[in-house]
Amino acid sequence: MATTKTAGTLKIKWVRSFNGCPRDMRQTIRGLGFRRMQQVVERPDTPAIRGMIAKVHHLVQVQE
């Protein structure tokens, strides 16, 4: 089954653990919808999501 990328979405992959990170960064990772490492989630490309990604940019990879 082929998946098509819709305009205005971002694929985000959680690649680094948040051990040792402050609580607000942990909550940001959870807020993006991640449950486990190496998981990929697709989120709309909005300023709010971009801000969340900017906060944890060292823990995630973004594919536009």
PDB file of N, CA and C in Angstrom:
ATOM      1  N   MET A   1       0.848  -1.164   0.000  1.00  0.00           N
ATOM      2  CA  MET A   1       0.000   0.000   0.000  1.00  0.00           C
ATOM      3  C   MET A   1       0.902   1.238   0.000  1.00  0.00           C
ATOM      4  N   ALA A   2       0.768   2.060  -0.978  1.00  0.00           N
ATOM      5  CA  ALA A   2       1.590   3.262  -1.094  1.00  0.00           C
ATOM      6  C   ALA A   2       0.968   4.383  -0.277  1.00  0.00           C
ATOM      7  N   THR A   3       1.833   5.115   0.418  1.00  0.00           N
ATOM      8  CA  THR A   3       1.350   6.262   1.172  1.00  0.00           C
ATOM      9  C   THR A   3       1.758   7.520   0.438  1.00  0.00           C
ATOM     10  N   THR A   4       0.837   8.454   0.360  1.00  0.00           N
ATOM     11  CA  THR A   4       1.144   9.706  -0.314  1.00  0.00           C
ATOM     12  C   THR A   4       1.296  10.794   0.726  1.00  0.00           C
ATOM     13  N   LYS A   5       2.239  11.667   0.510  1.00  0.00           N
ATOM     14  CA  LYS A   5       2.460  12.779   1.426  1.00  0.00           C
ATOM     15  C   LYS A   5       1.545  13.927   1.040  1.00  0.00           C
ATOM     16  N   THR A   6       0.760  14.355   1.992  1.00  0.00           N
ATOM     17  CA  THR A   6      -0.123  15.482   1.728  1.00  0.00           C
ATOM     18  C   THR A   6       0.637  16.774   1.974  1.00  0.00           C
ATOM     19  N   ALA A   7       0.242  17.807   1.284  1.00  0.00           N
ATOM     20  CA  ALA A   7       0.905  19.105   1.434  1.00  0.00           C
ATOM     21  C   ALA A   7       0.695  19.628   2.849  1.00  0.00           C
ATOM     22  N   GLY A   8       1.731  20.215   3.401  1.00  0.00           N
ATOM     23  CA  GLY A   8       1.612  20.822   4.714  1.00  0.00           C
ATOM     24  C   GLY A   8       1.770  19.872   5.876  1.00  0.00           C
ATOM     25  N   THR A   9       2.462  18.749   5.683  1.00  0.00           N
ATOM     26  CA  THR A   9       2.699  17.838   6.797  1.00  0.00           C
ATOM     27  C   THR A   9       4.196  17.622   6.969  1.00  0.00           C
ATOM     28  N   LEU A  10       4.573  17.259   8.174  1.00  0.00           N
ATOM     29  CA  LEU A  10       5.957  16.964   8.503  1.00  0.00           C
ATOM     30  C   LEU A  10       6.039  15.555   9.061  1.00  0.00           C
ATOM     31  N   LYS A  11       7.052  14.809   8.662  1.00  0.00           N
ATOM     32  CA  LYS A  11       7.335  13.521   9.279  1.00  0.00           C
ATOM     33  C   LYS A  11       8.464  13.752  10.272  1.00  0.00           C
ATOM     34  N   ILE A  12       8.226  13.362  11.506  1.00  0.00           N
ATOM     35  CA  ILE A  12       9.169  13.594  12.581  1.00  0.00           C
ATOM     36  C   ILE A  12       9.539  12.245  13.188  1.00  0.00           C
ATOM     37  N   LYS A  13      10.845  12.019  13.368  1.00  0.00           N
ATOM     38  CA  LYS A  13      11.324  10.764  13.945  1.00  0.00           C
ATOM     39  C   LYS A  13      12.075  11.068  15.233  1.00  0.00           C
ATOM     40  N   TRP A  14      11.745  10.323  16.295  1.00  0.00           N
ATOM     41  CA  TRP A  14      12.412  10.490  17.585  1.00  0.00           C
ATOM     42  C   TRP A  14      13.655   9.610  17.575  1.00  0.00           C
ATOM     43  N   VAL A  15      14.858  10.227  17.623  1.00  0.00           N
ATOM     44  CA  VAL A  15      16.098   9.474  17.457  1.00  0.00           C
ATOM     45  C   VAL A  15      16.999   9.443  18.690  1.00  0.00           C
ATOM     46  N   ARG A  16      16.818  10.365  19.642  1.00  0.00           N
ATOM     47  CA  ARG A  16      17.668  10.373  20.832  1.00  0.00           C
ATOM     48  C   ARG A  16      16.812  10.372  22.087  1.00  0.00           C
ATOM     49  N   SER A  17      17.294   9.666  23.097  1.00  0.00           N
ATOM     50  CA  SER A  17      16.559   9.550  24.351  1.00  0.00           C
ATOM     51  C   SER A  17      16.482  10.880  25.084  1.00  0.00           C
ATOM     52  N   PHE A  18      15.431  11.064  25.854  1.00  0.00           N
ATOM     53  CA  PHE A  18      15.313  12.276  26.640  1.00  0.00           C
ATOM     54  C   PHE A  18      15.773  12.084  28.086  1.00  0.00           C
ATOM     55  N   ASN A  19      16.515  11.008  28.360  1.00  0.00           N
ATOM     56  CA  ASN A  19      17.097  10.833  29.689  1.00  0.00           C
ATOM     57  C   ASN A  19      18.004  12.014  30.004  1.00  0.00           C
ATOM     58  N   GLY A  20      17.842  12.586  31.165  1.00  0.00           N
ATOM     59  CA  GLY A  20      18.644  13.728  31.572  1.00  0.00           C
ATOM     60  C   GLY A  20      18.111  15.065  31.096  1.00  0.00           C
ATOM     61  N   CYS A  21      17.042  15.063  30.325  1.00  0.00           N
ATOM     62  CA  CYS A  21      16.444  16.315  29.841  1.00  0.00           C
ATOM     63  C   CYS A  21      15.445  16.837  30.871  1.00  0.00           C
ATOM     64  N   PRO A  22      15.209  18.136  30.863  1.00  0.00           N
ATOM     65  CA  PRO A  22      14.202  18.699  31.775  1.00  0.00           C
ATOM     66  C   PRO A  22      12.798  18.158  31.482  1.00  0.00           C
ATOM     67  N   ARG A  23      11.940  18.293  32.455  1.00  0.00           N
ATOM     68  CA  ARG A  23      10.573  17.763  32.350  1.00  0.00           C
ATOM     69  C   ARG A  23       9.805  18.375  31.180  1.00  0.00           C
ATOM     70  N   ASP A  24      10.018  19.666  30.895  1.00  0.00           N
ATOM     71  CA  ASP A  24       9.269  20.297  29.814  1.00  0.00           C
ATOM     72  C   ASP A  24       9.645  19.715  28.456  1.00  0.00           C
ATOM     73  N   MET A  25      10.891  19.275  28.282  1.00  0.00           N
ATOM     74  CA  MET A  25      11.276  18.631  27.025  1.00  0.00           C
ATOM     75  C   MET A  25      10.634  17.258  26.898  1.00  0.00           C
ATOM     76  N   ARG A  26      10.549  16.538  28.001  1.00  0.00           N
ATOM     77  CA  ARG A  26       9.872  15.232  27.990  1.00  0.00           C
ATOM     78  C   ARG A  26       8.404  15.405  27.599  1.00  0.00           C
ATOM     79  N   GLN A  27       7.784  16.435  28.159  1.00  0.00           N
ATOM     80  CA  GLN A  27       6.378  16.688  27.850  1.00  0.00           C
ATOM     81  C   GLN A  27       6.199  17.112  26.397  1.00  0.00           C
ATOM     82  N   THR A  28       7.185  17.812  25.841  1.00  0.00           N
ATOM     83  CA  THR A  28       7.109  18.218  24.441  1.00  0.00           C
ATOM     84  C   THR A  28       7.176  16.997  23.530  1.00  0.00           C
ATOM     85  N   ILE A  29       8.081  16.053  23.839  1.00  0.00           N
ATOM     86  CA  ILE A  29       8.176  14.812  23.053  1.00  0.00           C
ATOM     87  C   ILE A  29       6.849  14.071  23.114  1.00  0.00           C
ATOM     88  N   ARG A  30       6.277  13.949  24.286  1.00  0.00           N
ATOM     89  CA  ARG A  30       4.976  13.275  24.428  1.00  0.00           C
ATOM     90  C   ARG A  30       3.880  14.054  23.710  1.00  0.00           C
ATOM     91  N   GLY A  31       3.950  15.363  23.766  1.00  0.00           N
ATOM     92  CA  GLY A  31       2.957  16.208  23.106  1.00  0.00           C
ATOM     93  C   GLY A  31       2.982  16.085  21.593  1.00  0.00           C
ATOM     94  N   LEU A  32       4.155  15.773  21.049  1.00  0.00           N
ATOM     95  CA  LEU A  32       4.247  15.544  19.608  1.00  0.00           C
ATOM     96  C   LEU A  32       3.641  14.195  19.215  1.00  0.00           C
ATOM     97  N   GLY A  33       3.350  13.356  20.203  1.00  0.00           N
ATOM     98  CA  GLY A  33       2.684  12.090  19.929  1.00  0.00           C
ATOM     99  C   GLY A  33       3.593  10.877  19.967  1.00  0.00           C
ATOM    100  N   PHE A  34       4.817  11.039  20.431  1.00  0.00           N
ATOM    101  CA  PHE A  34       5.741   9.906  20.482  1.00  0.00           C
ATOM    102  C   PHE A  34       5.467   9.034  21.692  1.00  0.00           C
ATOM    103  N   ARG A  35       5.560   7.726  21.480  1.00  0.00           N
ATOM    104  CA  ARG A  35       5.429   6.751  22.562  1.00  0.00           C
ATOM    105  C   ARG A  35       6.724   5.972  22.759  1.00  0.00           C
ATOM    106  N   ARG A  36       7.528   5.824  21.712  1.00  0.00           N
ATOM    107  CA  ARG A  36       8.768   5.046  21.820  1.00  0.00           C
ATOM    108  C   ARG A  36       9.808   5.605  20.856  1.00  0.00           C
ATOM    109  N   MET A  37      11.060   5.283  21.140  1.00  0.00           N
ATOM    110  CA  MET A  37      12.171   5.729  20.306  1.00  0.00           C
ATOM    111  C   MET A  37      12.042   5.126  18.905  1.00  0.00           C
ATOM    112  N   GLN A  38      12.599   5.805  17.925  1.00  0.00           N
ATOM    113  CA  GLN A  38      12.603   5.406  16.521  1.00  0.00           C
ATOM    114  C   GLN A  38      11.211   5.441  15.885  1.00  0.00           C
ATOM    115  N   GLN A  39      10.232   5.943  16.591  1.00  0.00           N
ATOM    116  CA  GLN A  39       8.882   6.072  16.046  1.00  0.00           C
ATOM    117  C   GLN A  39       8.824   7.287  15.120  1.00  0.00           C
ATOM    118  N   VAL A  40       8.051   7.179  14.055  1.00  0.00           N
ATOM    119  CA  VAL A  40       7.842   8.279  13.124  1.00  0.00           C
ATOM    120  C   VAL A  40       6.378   8.700  13.219  1.00  0.00           C
ATOM    121  N   VAL A  41       6.162  10.001  13.402  1.00  0.00           N
ATOM    122  CA  VAL A  41       4.800  10.536  13.434  1.00  0.00           C
ATOM    123  C   VAL A  41       4.674  11.595  12.346  1.00  0.00           C
ATOM    124  N   GLU A  42       3.476  11.770  11.865  1.00  0.00           N
ATOM    125  CA  GLU A  42       3.206  12.781  10.849  1.00  0.00           C
ATOM    126  C   GLU A  42       2.308  13.841  11.471  1.00  0.00           C
ATOM    127  N   ARG A  43       2.766  15.085  11.432  1.00  0.00           N
ATOM    128  CA  ARG A  43       2.046  16.198  12.038  1.00  0.00           C
ATOM    129  C   ARG A  43       1.865  17.311  11.018  1.00  0.00           C
ATOM    130  N   PRO A  44       0.815  18.129  11.158  1.00  0.00           N
ATOM    131  CA  PRO A  44       0.624  19.267  10.244  1.00  0.00           C
ATOM    132  C   PRO A  44       1.739  20.293  10.433  1.00  0.00           C
ATOM    133  N   ASP A  45       2.074  20.976   9.366  1.00  0.00           N
ATOM    134  CA  ASP A  45       3.134  21.987   9.402  1.00  0.00           C
ATOM    135  C   ASP A  45       2.534  23.310   9.869  1.00  0.00           C
ATOM    136  N   THR A  46       2.471  23.491  11.194  1.00  0.00           N
ATOM    137  CA  THR A  46       1.924  24.710  11.784  1.00  0.00           C
ATOM    138  C   THR A  46       3.000  25.371  12.642  1.00  0.00           C
ATOM    139  N   PRO A  47       2.842  26.656  12.950  1.00  0.00           N
ATOM    140  CA  PRO A  47       3.821  27.320  13.818  1.00  0.00           C
ATOM    141  C   PRO A  47       3.955  26.661  15.197  1.00  0.00           C
ATOM    142  N   ALA A  48       2.871  26.137  15.731  1.00  0.00           N
ATOM    143  CA  ALA A  48       2.924  25.483  17.041  1.00  0.00           C
ATOM    144  C   ALA A  48       3.802  24.232  16.992  1.00  0.00           C
ATOM    145  N   ILE A  49       3.611  23.421  15.956  1.00  0.00           N
ATOM    146  CA  ILE A  49       4.412  22.197  15.806  1.00  0.00           C
ATOM    147  C   ILE A  49       5.866  22.557  15.538  1.00  0.00           C
ATOM    148  N   ARG A  50       6.100  23.575  14.713  1.00  0.00           N
ATOM    149  CA  ARG A  50       7.472  24.026  14.446  1.00  0.00           C
ATOM    150  C   ARG A  50       8.159  24.477  15.736  1.00  0.00           C
ATOM    151  N   GLY A  51       7.416  25.146  16.613  1.00  0.00           N
ATOM    152  CA  GLY A  51       7.976  25.583  17.893  1.00  0.00           C
ATOM    153  C   GLY A  51       8.330  24.412  18.790  1.00  0.00           C
ATOM    154  N   MET A  52       7.478  23.394  18.795  1.00  0.00           N
ATOM    155  CA  MET A  52       7.756  22.198  19.587  1.00  0.00           C
ATOM    156  C   MET A  52       9.007  21.498  19.064  1.00  0.00           C
ATOM    157  N   ILE A  53       9.130  21.416  17.734  1.00  0.00           N
ATOM    158  CA  ILE A  53      10.300  20.785  17.133  1.00  0.00           C
ATOM    159  C   ILE A  53      11.559  21.581  17.475  1.00  0.00           C
ATOM    160  N   ALA A  54      11.461  22.908  17.446  1.00  0.00           N
ATOM    161  CA  ALA A  54      12.623  23.753  17.757  1.00  0.00           C
ATOM    162  C   ALA A  54      13.100  23.518  19.189  1.00  0.00           C
ATOM    163  N   LYS A  55      12.175  23.241  20.078  1.00  0.00           N
ATOM    164  CA  LYS A  55      12.526  23.036  21.480  1.00  0.00           C
ATOM    165  C   LYS A  55      13.304  21.735  21.686  1.00  0.00           C
ATOM    166  N   VAL A  56      12.981  20.711  20.896  1.00  0.00           N
ATOM    167  CA  VAL A  56      13.638  19.401  21.060  1.00  0.00           C
ATOM    168  C   VAL A  56      14.388  18.998  19.785  1.00  0.00           C
ATOM    169  N   HIS A  57      14.909  19.986  19.059  1.00  0.00           N
ATOM    170  CA  HIS A  57      15.557  19.723  17.770  1.00  0.00           C
ATOM    171  C   HIS A  57      16.721  18.746  17.874  1.00  0.00           C
ATOM    172  N   HIS A  58      17.362  18.665  19.043  1.00  0.00           N
ATOM    173  CA  HIS A  58      18.503  17.763  19.204  1.00  0.00           C
ATOM    174  C   HIS A  58      18.074  16.317  19.481  1.00  0.00           C
ATOM    175  N   LEU A  59      16.774  16.085  19.639  1.00  0.00           N
ATOM    176  CA  LEU A  59      16.271  14.741  19.923  1.00  0.00           C
ATOM    177  C   LEU A  59      15.512  14.122  18.751  1.00  0.00           C
ATOM    178  N   VAL A  60      15.182  14.923  17.747  1.00  0.00           N
ATOM    179  CA  VAL A  60      14.351  14.460  16.638  1.00  0.00           C
ATOM    180  C   VAL A  60      14.989  14.768  15.289  1.00  0.00           C
ATOM    181  N   GLN A  61      14.515  14.055  14.262  1.00  0.00           N
ATOM    182  CA  GLN A  61      14.853  14.343  12.868  1.00  0.00           C
ATOM    183  C   GLN A  61      13.564  14.685  12.146  1.00  0.00           C
ATOM    184  N   VAL A  62      13.635  15.690  11.268  1.00  0.00           N
ATOM    185  CA  VAL A  62      12.440  16.148  10.557  1.00  0.00           C
ATOM    186  C   VAL A  62      12.618  15.911   9.068  1.00  0.00           C
ATOM    187  N   GLN A  63      11.591  15.330   8.439  1.00  0.00           N
ATOM    188  CA  GLN A  63      11.550  15.152   6.985  1.00  0.00           C
ATOM    189  C   GLN A  63      10.358  15.934   6.491  1.00  0.00           C
ATOM    190  N   GLU A  64      10.605  16.944   5.674  1.00  0.00           N
ATOM    191  CA  GLU A  64       9.509  17.789   5.209  1.00  0.00           C
ATOM    192  C   GLU A  64       8.807  17.172   4.013  1.00  0.00           C
TER     193      GLU A  64
END
